[in-house]
Protein backbone atom coordinates (compact mmCIF):
# COMPACT_ATOMS: atom_id res chain seq x y z
CA MET A 1 30.11 9.42 22.75
CA LEU A 2 28.39 6.58 20.88
CA PRO A 3 26.04 7.42 18.04
CA LYS A 4 22.36 6.85 18.62
CA GLN A 5 21.33 3.41 17.40
CA LEU A 6 18.51 3.67 14.93
CA SER A 7 15.62 1.30 14.91
CA LEU A 8 14.45 -0.26 11.67
CA PHE A 9 11.20 1.59 12.14
CA ASP A 10 12.59 5.13 12.68
CA ASN A 11 11.86 5.94 9.04
CA ASP A 12 10.19 4.28 6.10
CA ASP A 13 13.37 3.62 4.06
CA TRP A 14 13.50 0.05 5.41
CA PHE A 15 10.10 -0.65 3.91
CA ARG A 16 10.87 0.10 0.25
CA PRO A 17 11.90 -3.47 -0.68
CA PHE A 18 8.65 -4.74 0.84
CA ASN A 19 6.40 -2.08 -0.71
CA LYS A 20 4.11 -4.28 -2.76
CA PRO A 21 0.77 -6.01 -2.28
CA GLU A 22 0.90 -9.54 -0.85
CA THR A 23 -1.58 -12.32 -0.18
CA LEU A 24 -1.86 -14.18 3.10
CA SER A 25 -0.46 -17.35 1.55
CA SER A 26 2.50 -15.56 -0.07
CA LEU A 27 3.44 -13.91 3.22
CA ALA A 28 3.06 -17.23 5.05
CA ALA A 29 5.48 -18.79 2.55
CA LYS A 30 7.98 -15.98 3.10
CA TYR A 31 7.80 -16.56 6.86
CA SER A 32 8.11 -20.34 6.19
CA VAL A 33 4.92 -21.30 8.02
CA THR A 34 1.57 -22.72 6.99
CA TYR A 35 -1.39 -20.57 6.05
CA GLU A 36 -3.21 -21.58 9.25
CA THR A 37 -0.25 -20.76 11.50
CA PHE A 38 0.28 -17.39 9.85
CA ARG A 39 -3.38 -16.54 10.25
CA LYS A 40 -3.13 -17.34 13.98
CA TRP A 41 -0.07 -15.11 14.28
CA LEU A 42 -2.10 -12.20 12.89
CA GLU A 43 -4.99 -12.60 15.35
CA PRO A 44 -3.67 -9.86 17.72
CA ILE A 45 -3.71 -7.26 14.92
CA LYS A 46 -6.86 -8.37 13.11
CA ASP A 47 -8.54 -5.05 13.98
CA GLN A 48 -5.77 -3.16 12.10
CA ILE A 49 -5.85 -5.32 8.96
CA ARG A 50 -8.66 -7.13 7.21
CA ILE A 51 -8.03 -10.85 7.10
CA THR A 52 -10.26 -12.56 4.57
CA PRO A 53 -9.61 -15.44 2.18
CA ARG A 54 -8.35 -14.58 -1.32
CA ARG A 55 -7.71 -10.98 -0.41
CA THR A 56 -4.54 -9.07 -1.24
CA PHE A 57 -3.05 -6.98 1.56
CA THR A 58 -2.22 -3.40 0.63
CA PRO A 59 1.36 -2.18 1.07
CA ALA A 60 0.24 -0.33 4.23
CA GLU A 61 -1.18 -3.56 5.66
CA VAL A 62 2.00 -5.45 4.72
CA ARG A 63 3.95 -2.77 6.59
CA GLU A 64 1.82 -3.32 9.71
CA ILE A 65 2.30 -7.09 9.50
CA ILE A 66 6.08 -6.71 9.17
CA ARG A 67 6.16 -4.25 12.06
CA PHE A 68 4.24 -6.74 14.18
CA LEU A 69 6.10 -9.93 13.20
CA GLY A 70 9.48 -8.56 12.16
CA GLU A 71 11.17 -8.99 8.81
CA TYR A 72 10.78 -12.35 7.12
CA GLY A 73 13.95 -14.23 6.40
CA ALA A 74 15.76 -12.41 9.21
């Protein structure tokens, strides 16, 4: 019998390296897109995170963004 394949999101251990505040522009750079493109990508989850200029996302908001978009650099 094959072992159950675990999803990245089954526990929060995957998130530890990403557990820090980030700005919109720093996350856009990590995803290798422009600020404007990254902002458009976040439109579907704008009710879950506050998107305002010059605001730092909390680690919980960064987690939601990564869950929505997938890991950067992957």
